[in-house]
C-alpha atoms as a PDB file:
ATOM      1  CA  MET A   1     -75.137-169.384-101.741  1.00  0.00           C
ATOM      2  CA  THR A   2     -77.901-166.791-101.740  1.00  0.00           C
ATOM      3  CA  THR A   3     -80.032-166.706-104.898  1.00  0.00           C
ATOM      4  CA  CYS A   4     -79.568-163.275-106.477  1.00  0.00           C
ATOM      5  CA  PRO A   5     -80.721-161.668-109.729  1.00  0.00           C
ATOM      6  CA  GLN A   6     -78.221-161.736-112.585  1.00  0.00           C
ATOM      7  CA  LEU A   7     -75.882-158.808-113.179  1.00  0.00           C
ATOM      8  CA  THR A   8     -77.442-156.297-115.566  1.00  0.00           C
ATOM      9  CA  SER A   9     -76.462-153.081-117.292  1.00  0.00           C
ATOM     10  CA  ALA A  10     -78.297-151.126-114.589  1.00  0.00           C
ATOM     11  CA  ASP A  11     -75.811-152.433-111.992  1.00  0.00           C
ATOM     12  CA  LEU A  12     -72.872-150.888-113.871  1.00  0.00           C
ATOM     13  CA  LEU A  13     -71.521-147.469-114.815  1.00  0.00           C
ATOM     14  CA  HIS A  14     -70.956-146.737-118.496  1.00  0.00           C
ATOM     15  CA  PRO A  15     -68.656-143.899-119.626  1.00  0.00           C
ATOM     16  CA  GLU A  16     -70.370-141.285-121.757  1.00  0.00           C
ATOM     17  CA  TRP A  17     -67.739-140.315-124.288  1.00  0.00           C
ATOM     18  CA  ASP A  18     -67.609-139.746-128.028  1.00  0.00           C
ATOM     19  CA  VAL A  19     -65.362-142.599-129.113  1.00  0.00           C
ATOM     20  CA  ALA A  20     -65.502-145.437-131.634  1.00  0.00           C
ATOM     21  CA  PRO A  21     -68.195-148.045-130.850  1.00  0.00           C
ATOM     22  CA  ARG A  22     -65.581-150.787-130.643  1.00  0.00           C
ATOM     23  CA  VAL A  23     -64.306-149.224-127.398  1.00  0.00           C
ATOM     24  CA  ARG A  24     -66.225-150.840-124.550  1.00  0.00           C
ATOM     25  CA  ALA A  25     -65.894-149.783-120.931  1.00  0.00           C
ATOM     26  CA  ILE A  26     -67.708-150.478-117.680  1.00  0.00           C
ATOM     27  CA  VAL A  27     -67.221-149.780-113.984  1.00  0.00           C
ATOM     28  CA  THR A  28     -68.889-152.005-111.431  1.00  0.00           C
ATOM     29  CA  THR A  29     -70.870-150.928-108.376  1.00  0.00           C
ATOM     30  CA  ARG A  30     -71.485-152.955-105.220  1.00  0.00           C
ATOM     31  CA  ASN A  31     -74.691-154.361-106.748  1.00  0.00           C
ATOM     32  CA  GLY A  32     -75.340-157.392-108.930  1.00  0.00           C
ATOM     33  CA  GLY A  33     -73.388-160.212-107.316  1.00  0.00           C
ATOM     34  CA  VAL A  34     -73.790-162.849-104.615  1.00  0.00           C
ATOM     35  CA  SER A  35     -71.693-161.547-101.701  1.00  0.00           C
ATOM     36  CA  VAL A  36     -73.252-160.948 -98.279  1.00  0.00           C
ATOM     37  CA  GLY A  37     -72.542-159.006 -95.076  1.00  0.00           C
ATOM     38  CA  PRO A  38     -70.152-156.055 -95.480  1.00  0.00           C
ATOM     39  CA  PHE A  39     -69.531-157.212 -99.062  1.00  0.00           C
ATOM     40  CA  GLY A  40     -73.225-157.181 -99.939  1.00  0.00           C
ATOM     41  CA  ARG A  41     -75.554-154.477-101.101  1.00  0.00           C
ATOM     42  CA  TRP A  42     -76.522-151.564 -98.876  1.00  0.00           C
ATOM     43  CA  GLN A  43     -80.006-150.183 -98.661  1.00  0.00           C
ATOM     44  CA  ALA A  44     -80.797-146.977 -96.816  1.00  0.00           C
ATOM     45  CA  ALA A  45     -83.764-146.927 -94.482  1.00  0.00           C
ATOM     46  CA  GLY A  46     -86.973-145.508 -95.869  1.00  0.00           C
ATOM     47  CA  ASN A  47     -86.762-142.446 -93.648  1.00  0.00           C
ATOM     48  CA  GLY A  48     -83.384-141.553 -95.071  1.00  0.00           C
ATOM     49  CA  GLU A  49     -81.518-142.457 -91.880  1.00  0.00           C
ATOM     50  CA  GLY A  50     -79.488-145.567 -91.257  1.00  0.00           C
ATOM     51  CA  GLY A  51     -79.890-148.633 -93.401  1.00  0.00           C
ATOM     52  CA  GLY A  52     -78.687-152.169 -93.565  1.00  0.00           C
ATOM     53  CA  GLU A  53     -76.636-154.777 -95.362  1.00  0.00           C
ATOM     54  CA  LEU A  54     -78.346-157.071 -97.843  1.00  0.00           C
ATOM     55  CA  PRO A  55     -77.081-160.020 -99.904  1.00  0.00           C
ATOM     56  CA  CYS A  56     -76.261-159.770-103.622  1.00  0.00           C
ATOM     57  CA  GLY A  57     -73.102-157.654-103.518  1.00  0.00           C
ATOM     58  CA  LEU A  58     -70.603-157.702-106.411  1.00  0.00           C
ATOM     59  CA  ASN A  59     -67.326-157.826-104.505  1.00  0.00           C
ATOM     60  CA  LEU A  60     -64.450-158.685-106.864  1.00  0.00           C
ATOM     61  CA  GLY A  61     -61.526-158.602-104.438  1.00  0.00           C
ATOM     62  CA  ARG A  62     -59.947-161.941-103.553  1.00  0.00           C
ATOM     63  CA  SER A  63     -57.953-160.415-100.679  1.00  0.00           C
ATOM     64  CA  SER A  64     -60.867-158.542 -99.125  1.00  0.00           C
ATOM     65  CA  GLY A  65     -61.811-161.243 -96.599  1.00  0.00           C
ATOM     66  CA  ASP A  66     -64.937-162.271 -98.482  1.00  0.00           C
ATOM     67  CA  ASP A  67     -65.891-165.901 -99.139  1.00  0.00           C
ATOM     68  CA  LEU A  68     -63.725-166.844-102.139  1.00  0.00           C
ATOM     69  CA  ASP A  69     -66.556-168.835-103.691  1.00  0.00           C
ATOM     70  CA  HIS A  70     -68.618-165.646-103.700  1.00  0.00           C
ATOM     71  CA  VAL A  71     -65.767-163.629-105.222  1.00  0.00           C
ATOM     72  CA  GLU A  72     -65.234-166.182-107.976  1.00  0.00           C
ATOM     73  CA  ALA A  73     -68.963-166.262-108.695  1.00  0.00           C
ATOM     74  CA  ASN A  74     -68.960-162.465-108.898  1.00  0.00           C
ATOM     75  CA  ARG A  75     -66.005-162.441-111.265  1.00  0.00           C
ATOM     76  CA  ALA A  76     -67.710-165.031-113.438  1.00  0.00           C
ATOM     77  CA  ARG A  77     -70.846-162.867-113.571  1.00  0.00           C
ATOM     78  CA  LEU A  78     -68.822-159.825-114.578  1.00  0.00           C
ATOM     79  CA  LEU A  79     -66.867-161.590-117.315  1.00  0.00           C
ATOM     80  CA  ASP A  80     -69.981-163.296-118.617  1.00  0.00           C
ATOM     81  CA  TYR A  81     -71.544-159.845-118.991  1.00  0.00           C
ATOM     82  CA  ALA A  82     -68.440-158.364-120.638  1.00  0.00           C
ATOM     83  CA  GLY A  83     -67.846-161.347-122.903  1.00  0.00           C
ATOM     84  CA  VAL A  84     -64.062-160.951-122.654  1.00  0.00           C
ATOM     85  CA  PRO A  85     -61.379-162.112-120.194  1.00  0.00           C
ATOM     86  CA  ALA A  86     -59.947-159.636-117.680  1.00  0.00           C
ATOM     87  CA  ALA A  87     -56.249-158.896-117.285  1.00  0.00           C
ATOM     88  CA  TRP A  88     -56.255-158.817-113.459  1.00  0.00           C
ATOM     89  CA  LEU A  89     -53.220-157.252-111.782  1.00  0.00           C
ATOM     90  CA  LYS A  90     -51.534-157.391-108.382  1.00  0.00           C
ATOM     91  CA  GLN A  91     -51.795-153.684-107.645  1.00  0.00           C
ATOM     92  CA  ILE A  92     -48.980-152.106-105.649  1.00  0.00           C
ATOM     93  CA  HIS A  93     -49.838-148.363-105.700  1.00  0.00           C
ATOM     94  CA  GLY A  94     -47.098-147.448-108.151  1.00  0.00           C
ATOM     95  CA  PRO A  95     -46.593-146.211-111.744  1.00  0.00           C
ATOM     96  CA  ILE A  96     -45.857-149.536-113.469  1.00  0.00           C
ATOM     97  CA  VAL A  97     -47.763-150.074-116.734  1.00  0.00           C
ATOM     98  CA  VAL A  98     -47.812-153.495-118.397  1.00  0.00           C
ATOM     99  CA  ASP A  99     -49.108-155.041-121.593  1.00  0.00           C
ATOM    100  CA  ALA A 100     -52.581-156.484-121.043  1.00  0.00           C
ATOM    101  CA  VAL A 101     -51.803-159.606-123.093  1.00  0.00           C
ATOM    102  CA  GLN A 102     -48.914-160.417-120.764  1.00  0.00           C
ATOM    103  CA  ALA A 103     -51.010-159.522-117.726  1.00  0.00           C
ATOM    104  CA  LEU A 104     -53.778-161.873-118.837  1.00  0.00           C
ATOM    105  CA  ALA A 105     -51.335-164.738-119.343  1.00  0.00           C
ATOM    106  CA  ALA A 106     -49.830-164.172-115.887  1.00  0.00           C
ATOM    107  CA  ALA A 107     -53.234-163.913-114.203  1.00  0.00           C
ATOM    108  CA  ARG A 108     -54.237-167.251-115.706  1.00  0.00           C
ATOM    109  CA  THR A 109     -51.242-168.910-114.031  1.00  0.00           C
ATOM    110  CA  GLY A 110     -52.380-167.594-110.638  1.00  0.00           C
ATOM    111  CA  THR A 111     -49.463-165.156-110.370  1.00  0.00           C
ATOM    112  CA  PRO A 112     -50.710-161.781-111.636  1.00  0.00           C
ATOM    113  CA  LEU A 113     -48.195-159.130-112.632  1.00  0.00           C
ATOM    114  CA  GLU A 114     -47.320-156.446-110.092  1.00  0.00           C
ATOM    115  CA  ALA A 115     -48.514-153.254-111.738  1.00  0.00           C
ATOM    116  CA  ASP A 116     -51.175-150.575-111.496  1.00  0.00           C
ATOM    117  CA  ALA A 117     -52.094-150.150-115.140  1.00  0.00           C
ATOM    118  CA  SER A 118     -52.294-152.082-118.379  1.00  0.00           C
ATOM    119  CA  VAL A 119     -52.683-151.155-122.039  1.00  0.00           C
ATOM    120  CA  THR A 120     -53.407-152.982-125.281  1.00  0.00           C
ATOM    121  CA  ASP A 121     -54.194-152.571-128.954  1.00  0.00           C
ATOM    122  CA  GLN A 122     -55.462-156.154-129.166  1.00  0.00           C
ATOM    123  CA  PRO A 123     -59.220-156.809-129.229  1.00  0.00           C
ATOM    124  CA  GLY A 124     -60.958-159.115-126.788  1.00  0.00           C
ATOM    125  CA  ILE A 125     -58.850-158.433-123.676  1.00  0.00           C
ATOM    126  CA  ALA A 126     -60.070-156.157-120.884  1.00  0.00           C
ATOM    127  CA  CYS A 127     -57.534-153.884-119.210  1.00  0.00           C
ATOM    128  CA  THR A 128     -58.756-154.124-115.618  1.00  0.00           C
ATOM    129  CA  VAL A 129     -58.107-152.372-112.298  1.00  0.00           C
ATOM    130  CA  MET A 130     -59.788-152.719-108.900  1.00  0.00           C
ATOM    131  CA  VAL A 131     -60.558-149.887-106.478  1.00  0.00           C
ATOM    132  CA  ALA A 132     -62.281-149.079-103.198  1.00  0.00           C
ATOM    133  CA  ASP A 133     -61.546-145.305-102.927  1.00  0.00           C
ATOM    134  CA  CYS A 134     -58.633-144.927-105.358  1.00  0.00           C
ATOM    135  CA  MET A 135     -59.589-143.567-108.781  1.00  0.00           C
ATOM    136  CA  PRO A 136     -59.889-145.812-111.829  1.00  0.00           C
ATOM    137  CA  VAL A 137     -58.881-143.947-114.987  1.00  0.00           C
ATOM    138  CA  LEU A 138     -59.844-145.383-118.376  1.00  0.00           C
ATOM    139  CA  ILE A 139     -58.069-144.088-121.490  1.00  0.00           C
ATOM    140  CA  CYS A 140     -58.508-144.610-125.229  1.00  0.00           C
ATOM    141  CA  ASP A 141     -58.051-142.854-128.538  1.00  0.00           C
ATOM    142  CA  GLY A 142     -61.194-141.722-130.299  1.00  0.00           C
ATOM    143  CA  ALA A 143     -60.737-144.092-133.227  1.00  0.00           C
ATOM    144  CA  GLY A 144     -60.567-147.145-130.996  1.00  0.00           C
ATOM    145  CA  ARG A 145     -57.054-148.297-131.801  1.00  0.00           C
ATOM    146  CA  ALA A 146     -55.778-148.734-128.216  1.00  0.00           C
ATOM    147  CA  VAL A 147     -57.034-148.629-124.633  1.00  0.00           C
ATOM    148  CA  GLY A 148     -55.682-148.585-121.103  1.00  0.00           C
ATOM    149  CA  ALA A 149     -56.795-148.674-117.475  1.00  0.00           C
ATOM    150  CA  ALA A 150     -54.953-147.139-114.513  1.00  0.00           C
ATOM    151  CA  HIS A 151     -55.377-147.535-110.745  1.00  0.00           C
ATOM    152  CA  ALA A 152     -54.730-144.010-109.472  1.00  0.00           C
ATOM    153  CA  GLY A 153     -54.530-143.736-105.732  1.00  0.00           C
ATOM    154  CA  TRP A 154     -52.552-140.760-104.467  1.00  0.00           C
ATOM    155  CA  ARG A 155     -49.232-142.619-104.534  1.00  0.00           C
ATOM    156  CA  GLY A 156     -49.626-143.859-108.092  1.00  0.00           C
ATOM    157  CA  LEU A 157     -51.044-140.533-109.219  1.00  0.00           C
ATOM    158  CA  ALA A 158     -48.114-138.631-107.719  1.00  0.00           C
ATOM    159  CA  ALA A 159     -45.672-141.101-109.294  1.00  0.00           C
ATOM    160  CA  GLY A 160     -47.119-140.581-112.785  1.00  0.00           C
ATOM    161  CA  VAL A 161     -49.246-143.670-113.423  1.00  0.00           C
ATOM    162  CA  ILE A 162     -51.796-141.687-115.436  1.00  0.00           C
ATOM    163  CA  GLU A 163     -49.189-140.033-117.651  1.00  0.00           C
ATOM    164  CA  LYS A 164     -47.361-143.304-118.261  1.00  0.00           C
ATOM    165  CA  THR A 165     -50.601-145.066-119.165  1.00  0.00           C
ATOM    166  CA  ALA A 166     -51.692-142.280-121.514  1.00  0.00           C
ATOM    167  CA  GLN A 167     -48.307-142.205-123.238  1.00  0.00           C
ATOM    168  CA  ARG A 168     -48.389-145.978-123.781  1.00  0.00           C
ATOM    169  CA  VAL A 169     -51.929-145.824-125.190  1.00  0.00           C
ATOM    170  CA  ALA A 170     -50.963-142.979-127.530  1.00  0.00           C
ATOM    171  CA  ALA A 171     -47.903-144.906-128.742  1.00  0.00           C
ATOM    172  CA  LEU A 172     -50.004-147.988-129.503  1.00  0.00           C
ATOM    173  CA  ALA A 173     -52.662-145.892-131.236  1.00  0.00           C
ATOM    174  CA  GLY A 174     -50.114-143.918-133.241  1.00  0.00           C
ATOM    175  CA  CYS A 175     -51.494-140.578-132.095  1.00  0.00           C
ATOM    176  CA  ALA A 176     -50.577-137.632-129.892  1.00  0.00           C
ATOM    177  CA  THR A 177     -51.599-137.741-126.237  1.00  0.00           C
ATOM    178  CA  SER A 178     -53.718-134.648-126.897  1.00  0.00           C
ATOM    179  CA  GLU A 179     -55.992-136.829-129.050  1.00  0.00           C
ATOM    180  CA  LEU A 180     -56.849-139.202-126.198  1.00  0.00           C
ATOM    181  CA  HIS A 181     -60.071-139.498-124.219  1.00  0.00           C
ATOM    182  CA  ALA A 182     -60.110-140.192-120.472  1.00  0.00           C
ATOM    183  CA  TYR A 183     -62.823-141.282-118.065  1.00  0.00           C
ATOM    184  CA  LEU A 184     -62.497-140.740-114.311  1.00  0.00           C
ATOM    185  CA  GLY A 185     -64.370-143.392-112.354  1.00  0.00           C
ATOM    186  CA  PRO A 186     -65.745-143.234-108.807  1.00  0.00           C
ATOM    187  CA  ALA A 187     -63.253-142.430-106.053  1.00  0.00           C
ATOM    188  CA  ILE A 188     -63.176-140.891-102.610  1.00  0.00           C
ATOM    189  CA  GLY A 189     -64.359-137.309-103.019  1.00  0.00           C
ATOM    190  CA  PRO A 190     -62.918-133.933-101.967  1.00  0.00           C
ATOM    191  CA  THR A 191     -65.202-133.656 -98.926  1.00  0.00           C
ATOM    192  CA  ALA A 192     -63.983-136.964 -97.489  1.00  0.00           C
ATOM    193  CA  PHE A 193     -60.360-137.535 -98.540  1.00  0.00           C
ATOM    194  CA  GLU A 194     -58.290-136.271 -95.616  1.00  0.00           C
ATOM    195  CA  VAL A 195     -54.519-136.362 -96.151  1.00  0.00           C
ATOM    196  CA  GLY A 196     -51.406-135.056 -94.456  1.00  0.00           C
ATOM    197  CA  THR A 197     -48.644-132.692 -95.514  1.00  0.00           C
ATOM    198  CA  ASP A 198     -46.666-135.592 -97.001  1.00  0.00           C
ATOM    199  CA  VAL A 199     -49.323-136.115 -99.662  1.00  0.00           C
ATOM    200  CA  ARG A 200     -49.605-132.407-100.460  1.00  0.00           C
ATOM    201  CA  ASP A 201     -45.813-132.081-100.619  1.00  0.00           C
ATOM    202  CA  ALA A 202     -45.556-134.958-103.108  1.00  0.00           C
ATOM    203  CA  PHE A 203     -47.845-133.150-105.544  1.00  0.00           C
ATOM    204  CA  MET A 204     -46.499-129.666-104.891  1.00  0.00           C
ATOM    205  CA  THR A 205     -42.943-130.803-105.635  1.00  0.00           C
ATOM    206  CA  HIS A 206     -44.088-131.976-109.058  1.00  0.00           C
ATOM    207  CA  ALA A 207     -46.102-128.795-109.649  1.00  0.00           C
ATOM    208  CA  GLN A 208     -43.143-126.597-108.829  1.00  0.00           C
ATOM    209  CA  ALA A 209     -41.003-128.515-111.314  1.00  0.00           C
ATOM    210  CA  VAL A 210     -43.628-128.076-114.039  1.00  0.00           C
ATOM    211  CA  GLY A 211     -44.085-124.398-113.254  1.00  0.00           C
ATOM    212  CA  GLY A 212     -46.641-122.064-114.776  1.00  0.00           C
ATOM    213  CA  ALA A 213     -50.164-122.221-113.427  1.00  0.00           C
ATOM    214  CA  GLN A 214     -49.647-125.782-112.214  1.00  0.00           C
ATOM    215  CA  ARG A 215     -48.519-124.701-108.754  1.00  0.00           C
ATOM    216  CA  ALA A 216     -51.615-122.627-108.022  1.00  0.00           C
ATOM    217  CA  ALA A 217     -53.955-125.259-109.459  1.00  0.00           C
ATOM    218  CA  THR A 218     -52.325-128.022-107.423  1.00  0.00           C
ATOM    219  CA  ASP A 219     -52.408-125.926-104.270  1.00  0.00           C
ATOM    220  CA  ALA A 220     -56.138-125.362-104.823  1.00  0.00           C
ATOM    221  CA  ALA A 221     -56.701-129.139-104.831  1.00  0.00           C
ATOM    222  CA  PHE A 222     -55.738-129.250-101.132  1.00  0.00           C
ATOM    223  CA  VAL A 223     -58.086-127.445 -98.750  1.00  0.00           C
ATOM    224  CA  PRO A 224     -56.606-126.947 -95.247  1.00  0.00           C
ATOM    225  CA  ARG A 225     -58.621-128.191 -92.294  1.00  0.00           C
ATOM    226  CA  PRO A 226     -58.409-125.393 -89.674  1.00  0.00           C
ATOM    227  CA  GLU A 227     -59.465-127.750 -86.895  1.00  0.00           C
ATOM    228  CA  ALA A 228     -56.687-130.253 -87.745  1.00  0.00           C
ATOM    229  CA  ALA A 229     -53.207-128.823 -88.174  1.00  0.00           C
ATOM    230  CA  GLY A 230     -51.287-130.361 -91.064  1.00  0.00           C
ATOM    231  CA  LYS A 231     -54.392-131.965 -92.534  1.00  0.00           C
ATOM    232  CA  TYR A 232     -56.053-131.231 -95.884  1.00  0.00           C
ATOM    233  CA  LEU A 233     -59.043-132.363 -97.906  1.00  0.00           C
ATOM    234  CA  ALA A 234     -57.637-133.498-101.266  1.00  0.00           C
ATOM    235  CA  ASP A 235     -59.396-133.564-104.628  1.00  0.00           C
ATOM    236  CA  LEU A 236     -58.196-136.652-106.505  1.00  0.00           C
ATOM    237  CA  GLY A 237     -60.295-135.784-109.537  1.00  0.00           C
ATOM    238  CA  ALA A 238     -58.766-132.319-109.850  1.00  0.00           C
ATOM    239  CA  LEU A 239     -55.268-133.752-109.478  1.00  0.00           C
ATOM    240  CA  ALA A 240     -55.963-136.360-112.163  1.00  0.00           C
ATOM    241  CA  ARG A 241     -57.261-133.691-114.539  1.00  0.00           C
ATOM    242  CA  LEU A 242     -54.120-131.631-113.975  1.00  0.00           C
ATOM    243  CA  ARG A 243     -51.861-134.562-114.849  1.00  0.00           C
ATOM    244  CA  LEU A 244     -53.906-135.308-117.981  1.00  0.00           C
ATOM    245  CA  GLY A 245     -53.823-131.623-118.858  1.00  0.00           C
ATOM    246  CA  GLU A 246     -50.034-131.666-118.868  1.00  0.00           C
ATOM    247  CA  LEU A 247     -50.285-134.108-121.781  1.00  0.00           C
ATOM    248  CA  GLY A 248     -52.803-131.964-123.607  1.00  0.00           C
ATOM    249  CA  VAL A 249     -55.732-134.266-122.831  1.00  0.00           C
ATOM    250  CA  THR A 250     -58.897-132.171-122.766  1.00  0.00           C
ATOM    251  CA  ARG A 251     -61.541-134.811-123.523  1.00  0.00           C
ATOM    252  CA  ILE A 252     -62.128-135.875-119.926  1.00  0.00           C
ATOM    253  CA  SER A 253     -65.440-137.229-118.651  1.00  0.00           C
ATOM    254  CA  GLY A 254     -66.663-138.783-115.420  1.00  0.00           C
ATOM    255  CA  GLY A 255     -65.532-137.726-111.988  1.00  0.00           C
ATOM    256  CA  GLY A 256     -67.733-136.378-109.238  1.00  0.00           C
ATOM    257  CA  MET A 257     -68.809-139.793-107.898  1.00  0.00           C
ATOM    258  CA  CYS A 258     -67.699-140.280-104.290  1.00  0.00           C
ATOM    259  CA  THR A 259     -67.163-143.814-103.046  1.00  0.00           C
ATOM    260  CA  TYR A 260     -67.095-142.677 -99.421  1.00  0.00           C
ATOM    261  CA  THR A 261     -70.426-140.841 -99.335  1.00  0.00           C
ATOM    262  CA  ASP A 262     -72.397-143.006-101.790  1.00  0.00           C
ATOM    263  CA  ARG A 263     -72.742-146.121 -99.682  1.00  0.00           C
ATOM    264  CA  GLU A 264     -75.573-147.613-101.713  1.00  0.00           C
ATOM    265  CA  ARG A 265     -73.494-147.826-104.894  1.00  0.00           C
ATOM    266  CA  PHE A 266     -69.862-148.115-103.862  1.00  0.00           C
ATOM    267  CA  TYR A 267     -67.455-149.896-101.553  1.00  0.00           C
ATOM    268  CA  SER A 268     -65.104-147.627 -99.589  1.00  0.00           C
ATOM    269  CA  TYR A 269     -62.053-148.730 -97.624  1.00  0.00           C
ATOM    270  CA  ARG A 270     -61.860-145.400 -95.813  1.00  0.00           C
ATOM    271  CA  ARG A 271     -65.452-145.733 -94.690  1.00  0.00           C
ATOM    272  CA  GLU A 272     -65.293-149.451 -93.828  1.00  0.00           C
ATOM    273  CA  PRO A 273     -61.903-151.237 -93.679  1.00  0.00           C
ATOM    274  CA  VAL A 274     -63.718-154.560 -94.154  1.00  0.00           C
ATOM    275  CA  THR A 275     -65.257-153.971 -97.560  1.00  0.00           C
ATOM    276  CA  GLY A 276     -65.330-155.129-101.154  1.00  0.00           C
ATOM    277  CA  ARG A 277     -63.638-154.000-104.340  1.00  0.00           C
ATOM    278  CA  LEU A 278     -65.031-152.422-107.501  1.00  0.00           C
ATOM    279  CA  ALA A 279     -63.516-152.982-110.951  1.00  0.00           C
ATOM    280  CA  ALA A 280     -63.081-150.835-114.054  1.00  0.00           C
ATOM    281  CA  LEU A 281     -62.649-152.547-117.418  1.00  0.00           C
ATOM    282  CA  ILE A 282     -61.942-151.243-120.894  1.00  0.00           C
ATOM    283  CA  TRP A 283     -61.482-153.300-124.056  1.00  0.00           C
ATOM    284  CA  LEU A 284     -61.687-153.304-127.824  1.00  0.00           C
ATOM    285  CA  GLU A 285     -64.277-155.295-129.700  1.00  0.00           C
ATOM    286  CA  PRO A 286     -63.033-157.024-132.879  1.00  0.00           C
END
């Protein structure tokens, strides 16, 4: 195995939000691990053109095709940094939200729960989701009573995974959803996420049912591509903010980081089908 520097804070993203100190959250990048090849780091050439693959990538996906010894070493590095166990899930691009304590127990048996979000009010357990273009959404209440993490690709987002996660966090925290904070992690951006009419229709159907300004705002999140009939550039971040807005959530940070265009920091399945996985974790300290 290649000798690589240890994972450090500089290799991670840290939400900037005004919440209780006991709420801890991190999002990984592709840097800080031991993976190589397409799962390694990427360094652009000095002239700004091209670049190359280097070792020391932090791929966390067991089903990505990477050497499993490397993946396990990367996971160990991440959890050693966090100091808490991760409630890994078997993500299925849906709206199912589970309890992180149950998810952790299942993951330890080698049969993780099928879900795309987890929540908890128990300290010392990290609600965890993996992504490689889909949007990780981290949610907590400002007082640090409960937390949750959601994997929001377009299917899960359209099916309500963010709303369901926020409602579960609010119930555990004993507060209104309008009191929650949300962080939008890196995802494929609005200049790169091409979708078809089926995706737009899924969101427009919901917007029409909600009514009000939701229809126009949802329509604006899909920019037609004149050169490709029936194709649009979709803004996942805008769509996530709209769904959070329906619950009265206004304290929203993050967003704007594109996994597809920022090759040096992020893995992207759309850019490279053989690629690694990032992870987003949120937990409560005792």
